[in-house]
């Protein structure tokens, strides 16, 4: 078996990638996006999509999410579109 090294992305490629919608970026990264609804919490989203509420930091620490949410992970707002990076096989079968 031959291993092929994947080259590092160039800055210009990263700039183009940032212009792609959140939904497309999430699918490329192996996850998907959700729109926050009233009453949602990061731990609640982690329980639903990651099957473990203690995995909420995986959602929060996603660079794009952290920028949208800000410094307080307890303050997510309805309408925010968040990347969900920890998708389980069970969830993938449902979407």
Foldseek 3Di string as FASTA:
>chain_A
DDDDDDDDDDPVVVVVLVPDDPQVNLVVLPWGKDFDDPPDALLNVCCVFQVGSVCSVVQCVPVVNVVVQDDDRRDDDGGDITRDNRGDPVNVVVD
